[in-house]
Amino acid sequence: MPLTALALNCTLKPSPSASSCDLLLQQTLAALQGHGVKGELLRVVDYNIKPGVTSDEGEGDDWPMIRQKMLDADIFILGTPVWLGHPSSLCQRVLERLDALLSETDDQGRMLSYAKVAGVAVVGNEDGAHHIVAQLYQGLNDVGFTIPANSCTYWVGEAMGSTDFKDLLSTPDKVAQTTRVMAQNCVHLAGLLKKHQYPGQ
């Protein structure tokens, strides 16, 4: 069966506002599509993601739907803008909701995310991309996702500048190359995990 991917954009801008993070995630999904991966992109701010650390926080909570899409996909890409050197508050909320995976296991005692790989996309015009990638890598790994080599892509503009990624006339070659490598490595590892899941406990 072909691989699938879900990308979550944690921008603070609701649709249809232009979003640099959205653009980078679209490019990431296009790179994955080049390897035959069918992807879907959701903007977290467009949904009611209630605060909490369970998989379902009750009436009106949209997280269960997003969670199911994530568990159905082979590749999970978490994208966030940089705010004051940190991921967005919505990205933090996603991590908090993912915490429930720590106690949810299959019939062999594995976390439900064990067969999934994850990547990270970060965009902004201030420093902090490496710091954010490190934070998200650790959080995603804690809840059972497998992190391939070089599975991040990012763009950071001039410090205190006003130019956004979406305003560039073209994507810098190095960013495009990094996105391609990320997609290639995610697809490679996801394919291996689909055929050879981690052993049960």
C-alpha atoms as a PDB file:
ATOM      1  CA  MET A   1       0.000   0.000   0.000  1.00  0.00           C
ATOM      2  CA  PRO A   2       1.228   3.547  -0.725  1.00  0.00           C
ATOM      3  CA  LEU A   3       2.410   5.678   2.162  1.00  0.00           C
ATOM      4  CA  THR A   4       0.364   8.604   3.483  1.00  0.00           C
ATOM      5  CA  ALA A   5       1.264  11.765   5.388  1.00  0.00           C
ATOM      6  CA  LEU A   6      -0.445  14.297   7.636  1.00  0.00           C
ATOM      7  CA  ALA A   7       1.016  17.767   8.136  1.00  0.00           C
ATOM      8  CA  LEU A   8      -0.201  20.104  10.878  1.00  0.00           C
ATOM      9  CA  ASN A   9       0.367  23.830  10.484  1.00  0.00           C
ATOM     10  CA  CYS A  10       0.522  25.528  13.888  1.00  0.00           C
ATOM     11  CA  THR A  11       0.402  29.092  12.582  1.00  0.00           C
ATOM     12  CA  LEU A  12      -1.689  31.530  14.600  1.00  0.00           C
ATOM     13  CA  LYS A  13      -3.324  32.832  11.399  1.00  0.00           C
ATOM     14  CA  PRO A  14      -6.714  31.280  10.550  1.00  0.00           C
ATOM     15  CA  SER A  15      -7.563  30.331   6.978  1.00  0.00           C
ATOM     16  CA  PRO A  16      -7.570  31.807   4.420  1.00  0.00           C
ATOM     17  CA  SER A  17      -4.813  34.154   5.655  1.00  0.00           C
ATOM     18  CA  ALA A  18      -1.490  33.651   3.911  1.00  0.00           C
ATOM     19  CA  SER A  19       0.940  31.648   6.054  1.00  0.00           C
ATOM     20  CA  SER A  20       4.659  31.116   5.550  1.00  0.00           C
ATOM     21  CA  CYS A  21       4.435  27.885   7.547  1.00  0.00           C
ATOM     22  CA  ASP A  22       1.662  26.731   5.228  1.00  0.00           C
ATOM     23  CA  LEU A  23       3.865  27.365   2.201  1.00  0.00           C
ATOM     24  CA  LEU A  24       6.789  25.402   3.630  1.00  0.00           C
ATOM     25  CA  LEU A  25       4.480  22.516   4.545  1.00  0.00           C
ATOM     26  CA  GLN A  26       2.942  22.555   1.057  1.00  0.00           C
ATOM     27  CA  GLN A  27       6.444  22.285  -0.373  1.00  0.00           C
ATOM     28  CA  THR A  28       7.171  19.421   2.018  1.00  0.00           C
ATOM     29  CA  LEU A  29       4.042  17.550   0.958  1.00  0.00           C
ATOM     30  CA  ALA A  30       4.934  18.166  -2.698  1.00  0.00           C
ATOM     31  CA  ALA A  31       8.363  16.628  -2.055  1.00  0.00           C
ATOM     32  CA  LEU A  32       6.702  13.641  -0.386  1.00  0.00           C
ATOM     33  CA  GLN A  33       4.285  13.326  -3.290  1.00  0.00           C
ATOM     34  CA  GLY A  34       7.309  12.978  -5.551  1.00  0.00           C
ATOM     35  CA  HIS A  35       7.895   9.666  -3.747  1.00  0.00           C
ATOM     36  CA  GLY A  36       4.288   8.556  -4.208  1.00  0.00           C
ATOM     37  CA  VAL A  37       3.078   9.722  -0.779  1.00  0.00           C
ATOM     38  CA  LYS A  38      -0.451  11.114  -0.540  1.00  0.00           C
ATOM     39  CA  GLY A  39      -0.589  13.945   1.986  1.00  0.00           C
ATOM     40  CA  GLU A  40      -3.066  16.157   3.803  1.00  0.00           C
ATOM     41  CA  LEU A  41      -2.450  19.555   5.394  1.00  0.00           C
ATOM     42  CA  LEU A  42      -4.524  20.894   8.300  1.00  0.00           C
ATOM     43  CA  ARG A  43      -4.276  24.304   9.948  1.00  0.00           C
ATOM     44  CA  VAL A  44      -4.665  23.758  13.693  1.00  0.00           C
ATOM     45  CA  VAL A  45      -6.104  27.213  14.402  1.00  0.00           C
ATOM     46  CA  ASP A  46      -9.126  26.377  12.215  1.00  0.00           C
ATOM     47  CA  TYR A  47     -10.207  23.684  14.686  1.00  0.00           C
ATOM     48  CA  ASN A  48     -11.293  23.622  18.315  1.00  0.00           C
ATOM     49  CA  ILE A  49      -8.386  21.874  20.005  1.00  0.00           C
ATOM     50  CA  LYS A  50      -9.292  21.947  23.668  1.00  0.00           C
ATOM     51  CA  PRO A  51      -6.584  22.202  26.343  1.00  0.00           C
ATOM     52  CA  GLY A  52      -5.770  18.933  28.066  1.00  0.00           C
ATOM     53  CA  VAL A  53      -3.646  15.799  27.910  1.00  0.00           C
ATOM     54  CA  THR A  54      -6.195  13.160  26.896  1.00  0.00           C
ATOM     55  CA  SER A  55      -7.197  11.946  23.447  1.00  0.00           C
ATOM     56  CA  ASP A  56     -10.722  13.312  23.838  1.00  0.00           C
ATOM     57  CA  GLU A  57     -11.589  16.329  25.990  1.00  0.00           C
ATOM     58  CA  GLY A  58     -15.305  16.030  25.434  1.00  0.00           C
ATOM     59  CA  GLU A  59     -18.047  17.781  23.487  1.00  0.00           C
ATOM     60  CA  GLY A  60     -16.826  20.120  20.774  1.00  0.00           C
ATOM     61  CA  ASP A  61     -13.232  18.860  20.836  1.00  0.00           C
ATOM     62  CA  ASP A  62     -11.833  18.462  17.310  1.00  0.00           C
ATOM     63  CA  TRP A  63      -8.653  16.733  18.435  1.00  0.00           C
ATOM     64  CA  PRO A  64     -10.052  13.165  18.189  1.00  0.00           C
ATOM     65  CA  MET A  65     -10.600  13.672  14.443  1.00  0.00           C
ATOM     66  CA  ILE A  66      -7.106  15.074  13.926  1.00  0.00           C
ATOM     67  CA  ARG A  67      -5.603  12.356  16.141  1.00  0.00           C
ATOM     68  CA  GLN A  68      -7.231   9.655  14.014  1.00  0.00           C
ATOM     69  CA  LYS A  69      -5.900  11.175  10.800  1.00  0.00           C
ATOM     70  CA  MET A  70      -2.436  11.252  12.384  1.00  0.00           C
ATOM     71  CA  LEU A  71      -2.615   7.604  13.463  1.00  0.00           C
ATOM     72  CA  ASP A  72      -3.895   6.578  10.027  1.00  0.00           C
ATOM     73  CA  ALA A  73      -0.919   8.257   8.335  1.00  0.00           C
ATOM     74  CA  ASP A  74       2.573   6.783   8.032  1.00  0.00           C
ATOM     75  CA  ILE A  75       4.348  10.156   8.193  1.00  0.00           C
ATOM     76  CA  PHE A  76       3.536  13.035  10.548  1.00  0.00           C
ATOM     77  CA  ILE A  77       4.959  16.498   9.851  1.00  0.00           C
ATOM     78  CA  LEU A  78       4.610  19.128  12.580  1.00  0.00           C
ATOM     79  CA  GLY A  79       5.065  22.701  11.385  1.00  0.00           C
ATOM     80  CA  THR A  80       5.321  25.872  13.441  1.00  0.00           C
ATOM     81  CA  PRO A  81       6.334  29.493  13.121  1.00  0.00           C
ATOM     82  CA  VAL A  82       8.928  30.972  15.468  1.00  0.00           C
ATOM     83  CA  TRP A  83       7.498  33.227  18.183  1.00  0.00           C
ATOM     84  CA  LEU A  84       9.981  34.845  20.591  1.00  0.00           C
ATOM     85  CA  GLY A  85      12.383  32.010  19.850  1.00  0.00           C
ATOM     86  CA  HIS A  86       9.838  29.306  20.649  1.00  0.00           C
ATOM     87  CA  PRO A  87       7.209  27.239  18.816  1.00  0.00           C
ATOM     88  CA  SER A  88       3.718  28.701  18.675  1.00  0.00           C
ATOM     89  CA  SER A  89       1.259  28.152  21.505  1.00  0.00           C
ATOM     90  CA  LEU A  90      -0.800  25.954  19.180  1.00  0.00           C
ATOM     91  CA  CYS A  91       2.207  23.734  18.550  1.00  0.00           C
ATOM     92  CA  GLN A  92       2.641  23.360  22.295  1.00  0.00           C
ATOM     93  CA  ARG A  93      -1.025  22.419  22.582  1.00  0.00           C
ATOM     94  CA  VAL A  94      -0.565  19.701  19.959  1.00  0.00           C
ATOM     95  CA  LEU A  95       2.331  18.282  21.980  1.00  0.00           C
ATOM     96  CA  GLU A  96       0.210  18.360  25.136  1.00  0.00           C
ATOM     97  CA  ARG A  97      -2.578  16.435  23.414  1.00  0.00           C
ATOM     98  CA  LEU A  98      -0.038  13.932  22.040  1.00  0.00           C
ATOM     99  CA  ASP A  99       0.958  13.186  25.635  1.00  0.00           C
ATOM    100  CA  ALA A 100      -1.985  10.750  25.794  1.00  0.00           C
ATOM    101  CA  LEU A 101      -0.048   8.406  23.491  1.00  0.00           C
ATOM    102  CA  LEU A 102       2.203   7.536  26.433  1.00  0.00           C
ATOM    103  CA  SER A 103      -0.574   5.415  27.926  1.00  0.00           C
ATOM    104  CA  GLU A 104      -2.245   4.143  24.744  1.00  0.00           C
ATOM    105  CA  THR A 105      -0.846   0.869  23.448  1.00  0.00           C
ATOM    106  CA  ASP A 106      -1.679  -1.859  20.959  1.00  0.00           C
ATOM    107  CA  ASP A 107      -2.216  -5.536  21.839  1.00  0.00           C
ATOM    108  CA  GLN A 108       1.566  -6.039  22.003  1.00  0.00           C
ATOM    109  CA  GLY A 109       2.224  -3.171  24.393  1.00  0.00           C
ATOM    110  CA  ARG A 110       3.567  -0.730  21.780  1.00  0.00           C
ATOM    111  CA  MET A 111       2.562   2.930  21.655  1.00  0.00           C
ATOM    112  CA  LEU A 112       0.150   3.537  18.790  1.00  0.00           C
ATOM    113  CA  SER A 113       2.708   5.854  17.164  1.00  0.00           C
ATOM    114  CA  TYR A 114       5.520   3.275  17.064  1.00  0.00           C
ATOM    115  CA  ALA A 115       5.125   2.538  13.357  1.00  0.00           C
ATOM    116  CA  LYS A 116       5.051   6.232  12.420  1.00  0.00           C
ATOM    117  CA  VAL A 117       7.861   8.587  11.473  1.00  0.00           C
ATOM    118  CA  ALA A 118       7.824  12.308  12.187  1.00  0.00           C
ATOM    119  CA  GLY A 119       9.444  15.402  10.734  1.00  0.00           C
ATOM    120  CA  VAL A 120       9.483  19.079  11.668  1.00  0.00           C
ATOM    121  CA  ALA A 121       9.111  22.288   9.653  1.00  0.00           C
ATOM    122  CA  VAL A 122       9.934  25.691  11.180  1.00  0.00           C
ATOM    123  CA  VAL A 123       9.664  29.154   9.670  1.00  0.00           C
ATOM    124  CA  GLY A 124      10.125  32.696  10.940  1.00  0.00           C
ATOM    125  CA  ASN A 125      12.205  35.839  10.766  1.00  0.00           C
ATOM    126  CA  GLU A 126      13.988  35.500  14.055  1.00  0.00           C
ATOM    127  CA  ASP A 127      16.462  32.981  15.425  1.00  0.00           C
ATOM    128  CA  GLY A 128      15.343  29.778  17.092  1.00  0.00           C
ATOM    129  CA  ALA A 129      14.819  27.164  14.366  1.00  0.00           C
ATOM    130  CA  HIS A 130      17.396  24.675  15.701  1.00  0.00           C
ATOM    131  CA  HIS A 131      16.162  25.137  19.249  1.00  0.00           C
ATOM    132  CA  ILE A 132      12.565  24.497  18.175  1.00  0.00           C
ATOM    133  CA  VAL A 133      13.505  21.453  16.091  1.00  0.00           C
ATOM    134  CA  ALA A 134      15.333  20.007  19.105  1.00  0.00           C
ATOM    135  CA  GLN A 135      12.292  20.586  21.339  1.00  0.00           C
ATOM    136  CA  LEU A 136       9.866  19.023  18.890  1.00  0.00           C
ATOM    137  CA  TYR A 137      12.140  16.090  18.069  1.00  0.00           C
ATOM    138  CA  GLN A 138      12.347  15.210  21.751  1.00  0.00           C
ATOM    139  CA  GLY A 139       8.623  15.609  22.333  1.00  0.00           C
ATOM    140  CA  LEU A 140       7.671  13.545  19.286  1.00  0.00           C
ATOM    141  CA  ASN A 141      10.167  10.834  20.190  1.00  0.00           C
ATOM    142  CA  ASP A 142       8.885  10.730  23.777  1.00  0.00           C
ATOM    143  CA  VAL A 143       5.412   9.819  22.532  1.00  0.00           C
ATOM    144  CA  GLY A 144       6.655   7.071  20.217  1.00  0.00           C
ATOM    145  CA  PHE A 145       7.401   8.607  16.835  1.00  0.00           C
ATOM    146  CA  THR A 146      10.585   7.611  15.008  1.00  0.00           C
ATOM    147  CA  ILE A 147      12.762  10.503  13.825  1.00  0.00           C
ATOM    148  CA  PRO A 148      14.653   9.863  10.567  1.00  0.00           C
ATOM    149  CA  ALA A 149      18.025  11.426   9.815  1.00  0.00           C
ATOM    150  CA  ASN A 150      17.772  15.075   8.724  1.00  0.00           C
ATOM    151  CA  SER A 151      13.980  15.081   9.059  1.00  0.00           C
ATOM    152  CA  CYS A 152      13.552  18.816   9.431  1.00  0.00           C
ATOM    153  CA  THR A 153      13.325  21.769   7.116  1.00  0.00           C
ATOM    154  CA  TYR A 154      13.338  25.431   8.034  1.00  0.00           C
ATOM    155  CA  TRP A 155      13.751  29.003   6.903  1.00  0.00           C
ATOM    156  CA  VAL A 156      14.711  31.900   9.151  1.00  0.00           C
ATOM    157  CA  GLY A 157      14.887  35.399   7.727  1.00  0.00           C
ATOM    158  CA  GLU A 158      16.919  38.384   8.799  1.00  0.00           C
ATOM    159  CA  ALA A 159      16.738  39.079  12.528  1.00  0.00           C
ATOM    160  CA  MET A 160      14.064  41.689  13.277  1.00  0.00           C
ATOM    161  CA  GLY A 161      13.327  41.827   9.564  1.00  0.00           C
ATOM    162  CA  SER A 162       9.947  42.242   7.886  1.00  0.00           C
ATOM    163  CA  THR A 163      10.302  39.775   4.996  1.00  0.00           C
ATOM    164  CA  ASP A 164       8.412  36.508   5.448  1.00  0.00           C
ATOM    165  CA  PHE A 165       9.093  33.209   3.698  1.00  0.00           C
ATOM    166  CA  LYS A 166       5.854  33.584   1.741  1.00  0.00           C
ATOM    167  CA  ASP A 167       7.078  36.965   0.417  1.00  0.00           C
ATOM    168  CA  LEU A 168      10.236  35.590  -1.202  1.00  0.00           C
ATOM    169  CA  LEU A 169      10.313  35.590  -5.003  1.00  0.00           C
ATOM    170  CA  SER A 170      11.622  32.022  -4.919  1.00  0.00           C
ATOM    171  CA  THR A 171      12.544  29.406  -2.345  1.00  0.00           C
ATOM    172  CA  PRO A 172      16.288  29.434  -1.553  1.00  0.00           C
ATOM    173  CA  ASP A 173      18.061  26.439  -3.080  1.00  0.00           C
ATOM    174  CA  LYS A 174      19.352  25.235   0.288  1.00  0.00           C
ATOM    175  CA  VAL A 175      15.841  25.237   1.801  1.00  0.00           C
ATOM    176  CA  ALA A 176      14.468  23.331  -1.195  1.00  0.00           C
ATOM    177  CA  GLN A 177      17.302  20.798  -0.949  1.00  0.00           C
ATOM    178  CA  THR A 178      16.743  20.346   2.797  1.00  0.00           C
ATOM    179  CA  THR A 179      13.027  19.776   2.199  1.00  0.00           C
ATOM    180  CA  ARG A 180      13.793  17.146  -0.455  1.00  0.00           C
ATOM    181  CA  VAL A 181      16.177  15.296   1.851  1.00  0.00           C
ATOM    182  CA  MET A 182      13.658  15.397   4.678  1.00  0.00           C
ATOM    183  CA  ALA A 183      10.963  13.933   2.436  1.00  0.00           C
ATOM    184  CA  GLN A 184      13.278  11.250   1.053  1.00  0.00           C
ATOM    185  CA  ASN A 185      14.419  10.111   4.493  1.00  0.00           C
ATOM    186  CA  CYS A 186      10.898  10.126   5.957  1.00  0.00           C
ATOM    187  CA  VAL A 187       9.643   7.991   3.079  1.00  0.00           C
ATOM    188  CA  HIS A 188      12.563   5.573   3.367  1.00  0.00           C
ATOM    189  CA  LEU A 189      12.120   4.967   7.086  1.00  0.00           C
ATOM    190  CA  ALA A 190       8.312   4.915   6.953  1.00  0.00           C
ATOM    191  CA  GLY A 191       8.506   2.205   4.296  1.00  0.00           C
ATOM    192  CA  LEU A 192      10.799   0.114   6.475  1.00  0.00           C
ATOM    193  CA  LEU A 193       8.571   0.491   9.540  1.00  0.00           C
ATOM    194  CA  LYS A 194       5.475  -0.397   7.534  1.00  0.00           C
ATOM    195  CA  LYS A 195       7.095  -3.738   6.675  1.00  0.00           C
ATOM    196  CA  HIS A 196       8.963  -4.323   9.944  1.00  0.00           C
ATOM    197  CA  GLN A 197       7.250  -2.875  13.022  1.00  0.00           C
ATOM    198  CA  TYR A 198       9.114  -2.569  16.321  1.00  0.00           C
ATOM    199  CA  PRO A 199       8.919  -5.726  18.486  1.00  0.00           C
ATOM    200  CA  GLY A 200       6.169  -5.969  21.086  1.00  0.00           C
ATOM    201  CA  GLN A 201       6.786  -6.031  24.802  1.00  0.00           C
END
